[in-house]
Structures are given as C-alpha cells and as structure tokens.
Amino acid sequence: QVQLVESGGGLVQAGGSLRLSCAASGFGFSGYAMSWVRQGPGKGLEWVSAINSLGGTTTYADSVKGRFTISRDNAKRTLYLQMNSLKPEDAAVYYCATYYSGDWGQGTQVTVSS
C-alpha cells in the first residue's frame, strides 16, 4: 500500500531553515507528481508546492515563493522541501501527498519562534 513518511520538522527561529523529507513506498514514486501541503494552528489546509514526476516542473504558493524549494530524488524515492527564511506564519504541520491520487503522509510539525 502507499506509504508516505515525512521527517525533518522541528523548532527553528524566524529567519532559519529546515529541510523536510518524505520517504515514499508502495507505489511507483517516479511516475507520480507530488505536493507539499500544510495546516497551521487553527487554519485550514494550504497547498504549498508541487513537482512533476521527473522534477523538471515546480510550482509554489505565493506565500512561500522565493523562500521554499521543492525537489525529489526518484532513485531514493524521496521528496524534499527546503525551507529558508522561515516566518512565524510558516508554522504548521507539513504533509507530503501524491498530487492526483490523494494519498497523504502523517505529517511533520514545523514550529517557528519569533
């Protein structure tokens, strides 16, 4: 079955950086577009970024554009999200998800202190 396991979250000061990872198994990862989605405290789900199956096309929410970078390593079956210049409003649970089929991981918590 599809399994997505996020890691790399934690507590960081505003202006700092974190790199999230998502290890995929149970499906043909290299053939799937992938996304990162987040949910902040008391907020709804917010799409953050997406990447196509080969990694050549990426898109970002305006709120993270220029600060976050999505990437993938198909040989390692892993999706990444490099987050720089973090702001308190970036604090959320971050989920990786398959772009079209709606499979999600359990999420990893990111906390940003001001």
C-alpha atoms as a PDB file:
ATOM      1  CA  GLN A   1       0.000   0.000   0.000  1.00  0.00           C
ATOM      2  CA  VAL A   2       1.010   3.627  -0.416  1.00  0.00           C
ATOM      3  CA  GLN A   3       3.166   4.874   2.411  1.00  0.00           C
ATOM      4  CA  LEU A   4       4.486   8.414   2.788  1.00  0.00           C
ATOM      5  CA  VAL A   5       6.622   9.222   5.818  1.00  0.00           C
ATOM      6  CA  GLU A   6       7.622  12.821   6.475  1.00  0.00           C
ATOM      7  CA  SER A   7      10.545  13.865   8.626  1.00  0.00           C
ATOM      8  CA  GLY A   8      12.741  16.872   9.302  1.00  0.00           C
ATOM      9  CA  GLY A   9      10.336  19.098  11.156  1.00  0.00           C
ATOM     10  CA  GLY A  10      11.238  20.834  14.384  1.00  0.00           C
ATOM     11  CA  LEU A  11      11.648  24.139  16.167  1.00  0.00           C
ATOM     12  CA  VAL A  12      13.538  26.913  14.399  1.00  0.00           C
ATOM     13  CA  GLN A  13      13.939  30.630  14.940  1.00  0.00           C
ATOM     14  CA  ALA A  14      12.451  33.062  12.481  1.00  0.00           C
ATOM     15  CA  GLY A  15      14.862  33.517   9.611  1.00  0.00           C
ATOM     16  CA  GLY A  16      16.176  29.999   9.967  1.00  0.00           C
ATOM     17  CA  SER A  17      15.982  26.999   7.670  1.00  0.00           C
ATOM     18  CA  LEU A  18      14.678  23.450   7.711  1.00  0.00           C
ATOM     19  CA  ARG A  19      14.686  20.657   5.172  1.00  0.00           C
ATOM     20  CA  LEU A  20      11.735  18.317   5.144  1.00  0.00           C
ATOM     21  CA  SER A  21      11.908  14.847   3.626  1.00  0.00           C
ATOM     22  CA  CYS A  22       9.187  12.438   2.570  1.00  0.00           C
ATOM     23  CA  ALA A  23      10.094   8.794   2.045  1.00  0.00           C
ATOM     24  CA  ALA A  24       7.723   7.041  -0.349  1.00  0.00           C
ATOM     25  CA  SER A  25       6.974   3.356  -0.733  1.00  0.00           C
ATOM     26  CA  GLY A  26       4.266   1.051  -2.043  1.00  0.00           C
ATOM     27  CA  PHE A  27       3.767   2.780  -5.397  1.00  0.00           C
ATOM     28  CA  GLY A  28       5.667   3.887  -8.479  1.00  0.00           C
ATOM     29  CA  PHE A  29       7.050   7.088  -6.988  1.00  0.00           C
ATOM     30  CA  SER A  30       9.000   8.150 -10.058  1.00  0.00           C
ATOM     31  CA  GLY A  31       5.808   8.292 -12.091  1.00  0.00           C
ATOM     32  CA  TYR A  32       3.862  10.489  -9.714  1.00  0.00           C
ATOM     33  CA  ALA A  33       3.621  14.238  -9.338  1.00  0.00           C
ATOM     34  CA  MET A  34       3.914  15.155  -5.666  1.00  0.00           C
ATOM     35  CA  SER A  35       2.886  18.010  -3.412  1.00  0.00           C
ATOM     36  CA  TRP A  36       3.533  19.544  -0.032  1.00  0.00           C
ATOM     37  CA  VAL A  37       0.505  20.808   1.887  1.00  0.00           C
ATOM     38  CA  ARG A  38       0.412  22.414   5.324  1.00  0.00           C
ATOM     39  CA  GLN A  39      -2.064  23.141   8.073  1.00  0.00           C
ATOM     40  CA  GLY A  40      -1.290  25.839  10.570  1.00  0.00           C
ATOM     41  CA  PRO A  41      -2.813  26.019  14.050  1.00  0.00           C
ATOM     42  CA  GLY A  42      -6.466  26.890  13.740  1.00  0.00           C
ATOM     43  CA  LYS A  43      -6.199  27.181   9.966  1.00  0.00           C
ATOM     44  CA  GLY A  44      -7.373  25.178   7.002  1.00  0.00           C
ATOM     45  CA  LEU A  45      -5.227  23.201   4.646  1.00  0.00           C
ATOM     46  CA  GLU A  46      -2.917  25.260   2.443  1.00  0.00           C
ATOM     47  CA  TRP A  47      -1.239  23.897  -0.656  1.00  0.00           C
ATOM     48  CA  VAL A  48       2.451  24.836  -0.565  1.00  0.00           C
ATOM     49  CA  SER A  49       4.221  23.411  -3.584  1.00  0.00           C
ATOM     50  CA  ALA A  50       4.139  20.739  -6.272  1.00  0.00           C
ATOM     51  CA  ILE A  51       6.608  18.983  -8.536  1.00  0.00           C
ATOM     52  CA  ASN A  52       6.102  16.833 -11.601  1.00  0.00           C
ATOM     53  CA  SER A  53       7.252  13.240 -11.818  1.00  0.00           C
ATOM     54  CA  LEU A  54      10.674  13.992 -13.309  1.00  0.00           C
ATOM     55  CA  GLY A  55      11.310  17.051 -11.155  1.00  0.00           C
ATOM     56  CA  GLY A  56      11.568  19.453 -14.050  1.00  0.00           C
ATOM     57  CA  THR A  57       8.488  21.496 -13.249  1.00  0.00           C
ATOM     58  CA  THR A  58       7.764  23.051  -9.875  1.00  0.00           C
ATOM     59  CA  THR A  59       5.086  25.413  -8.610  1.00  0.00           C
ATOM     60  CA  TYR A  60       4.706  27.331  -5.361  1.00  0.00           C
ATOM     61  CA  ALA A  61       2.122  29.192  -3.367  1.00  0.00           C
ATOM     62  CA  ASP A  62       2.749  32.931  -3.386  1.00  0.00           C
ATOM     63  CA  SER A  63       3.253  32.807   0.376  1.00  0.00           C
ATOM     64  CA  VAL A  64       6.411  30.684   0.030  1.00  0.00           C
ATOM     65  CA  LYS A  65       7.710  31.602  -3.404  1.00  0.00           C
ATOM     66  CA  GLY A  66      11.371  32.556  -3.302  1.00  0.00           C
ATOM     67  CA  ARG A  67      11.884  31.004   0.139  1.00  0.00           C
ATOM     68  CA  PHE A  68      10.954  27.328  -0.315  1.00  0.00           C
ATOM     69  CA  THR A  69      12.317  24.849  -2.837  1.00  0.00           C
ATOM     70  CA  ILE A  70      10.707  21.525  -3.674  1.00  0.00           C
ATOM     71  CA  SER A  71      12.809  18.733  -5.130  1.00  0.00           C
ATOM     72  CA  ARG A  72      12.875  14.985  -5.447  1.00  0.00           C
ATOM     73  CA  ASP A  73      15.281  12.098  -5.799  1.00  0.00           C
ATOM     74  CA  ASN A  74      13.500   9.344  -7.668  1.00  0.00           C
ATOM     75  CA  ALA A  75      16.348   6.888  -7.118  1.00  0.00           C
ATOM     76  CA  LYS A  76      15.883   7.339  -3.361  1.00  0.00           C
ATOM     77  CA  ARG A  77      12.090   7.573  -3.643  1.00  0.00           C
ATOM     78  CA  THR A  78      12.217  10.750  -1.588  1.00  0.00           C
ATOM     79  CA  LEU A  79      10.560  14.157  -1.839  1.00  0.00           C
ATOM     80  CA  TYR A  80      12.118  17.228  -0.224  1.00  0.00           C
ATOM     81  CA  LEU A  81      11.125  20.714   0.827  1.00  0.00           C
ATOM     82  CA  GLN A  82      13.927  23.142   1.593  1.00  0.00           C
ATOM     83  CA  MET A  83      12.528  25.985   3.663  1.00  0.00           C
ATOM     84  CA  ASN A  84      14.594  29.130   4.109  1.00  0.00           C
ATOM     85  CA  SER A  85      13.879  32.488   5.725  1.00  0.00           C
ATOM     86  CA  LEU A  86      11.174  30.906   7.833  1.00  0.00           C
ATOM     87  CA  LYS A  87       8.497  33.127   9.320  1.00  0.00           C
ATOM     88  CA  PRO A  88       6.212  32.523  12.306  1.00  0.00           C
ATOM     89  CA  GLU A  89       3.302  32.169   9.869  1.00  0.00           C
ATOM     90  CA  ASP A  90       5.046  29.163   8.303  1.00  0.00           C
ATOM     91  CA  ALA A  91       4.444  27.175  11.489  1.00  0.00           C
ATOM     92  CA  ALA A  92       2.248  24.222  10.593  1.00  0.00           C
ATOM     93  CA  VAL A  93       2.032  20.501  10.169  1.00  0.00           C
ATOM     94  CA  TYR A  94       3.520  19.763   6.757  1.00  0.00           C
ATOM     95  CA  TYR A  95       2.234  16.837   4.730  1.00  0.00           C
ATOM     96  CA  CYS A  96       3.520  15.303   1.548  1.00  0.00           C
ATOM     97  CA  ALA A  97       0.913  13.951  -0.812  1.00  0.00           C
ATOM     98  CA  THR A  98       0.540  12.404  -4.198  1.00  0.00           C
ATOM     99  CA  TYR A  99      -0.697  15.181  -6.442  1.00  0.00           C
ATOM    100  CA  TYR A 100      -3.560  13.368  -8.191  1.00  0.00           C
ATOM    101  CA  SER A 101      -4.462  10.312  -6.143  1.00  0.00           C
ATOM    102  CA  GLY A 102      -4.824  11.966  -2.762  1.00  0.00           C
ATOM    103  CA  ASP A 103      -2.553   9.823  -0.631  1.00  0.00           C
ATOM    104  CA  TRP A 104      -1.070  11.617   2.385  1.00  0.00           C
ATOM    105  CA  GLY A 105       1.593  11.073   4.979  1.00  0.00           C
ATOM    106  CA  GLN A 106       1.155  11.557   8.709  1.00  0.00           C
ATOM    107  CA  GLY A 107       2.785  14.974   8.689  1.00  0.00           C
ATOM    108  CA  THR A 108       5.740  16.606  10.398  1.00  0.00           C
ATOM    109  CA  GLN A 109       5.448  19.594  12.732  1.00  0.00           C
ATOM    110  CA  VAL A 110       7.288  22.814  11.995  1.00  0.00           C
ATOM    111  CA  THR A 111       7.410  25.446  14.727  1.00  0.00           C
ATOM    112  CA  VAL A 112       8.895  28.885  14.106  1.00  0.00           C
ATOM    113  CA  SER A 113       9.722  31.117  17.049  1.00  0.00           C
ATOM    114  CA  SER A 114       9.761  34.865  16.637  1.00  0.00           C
END
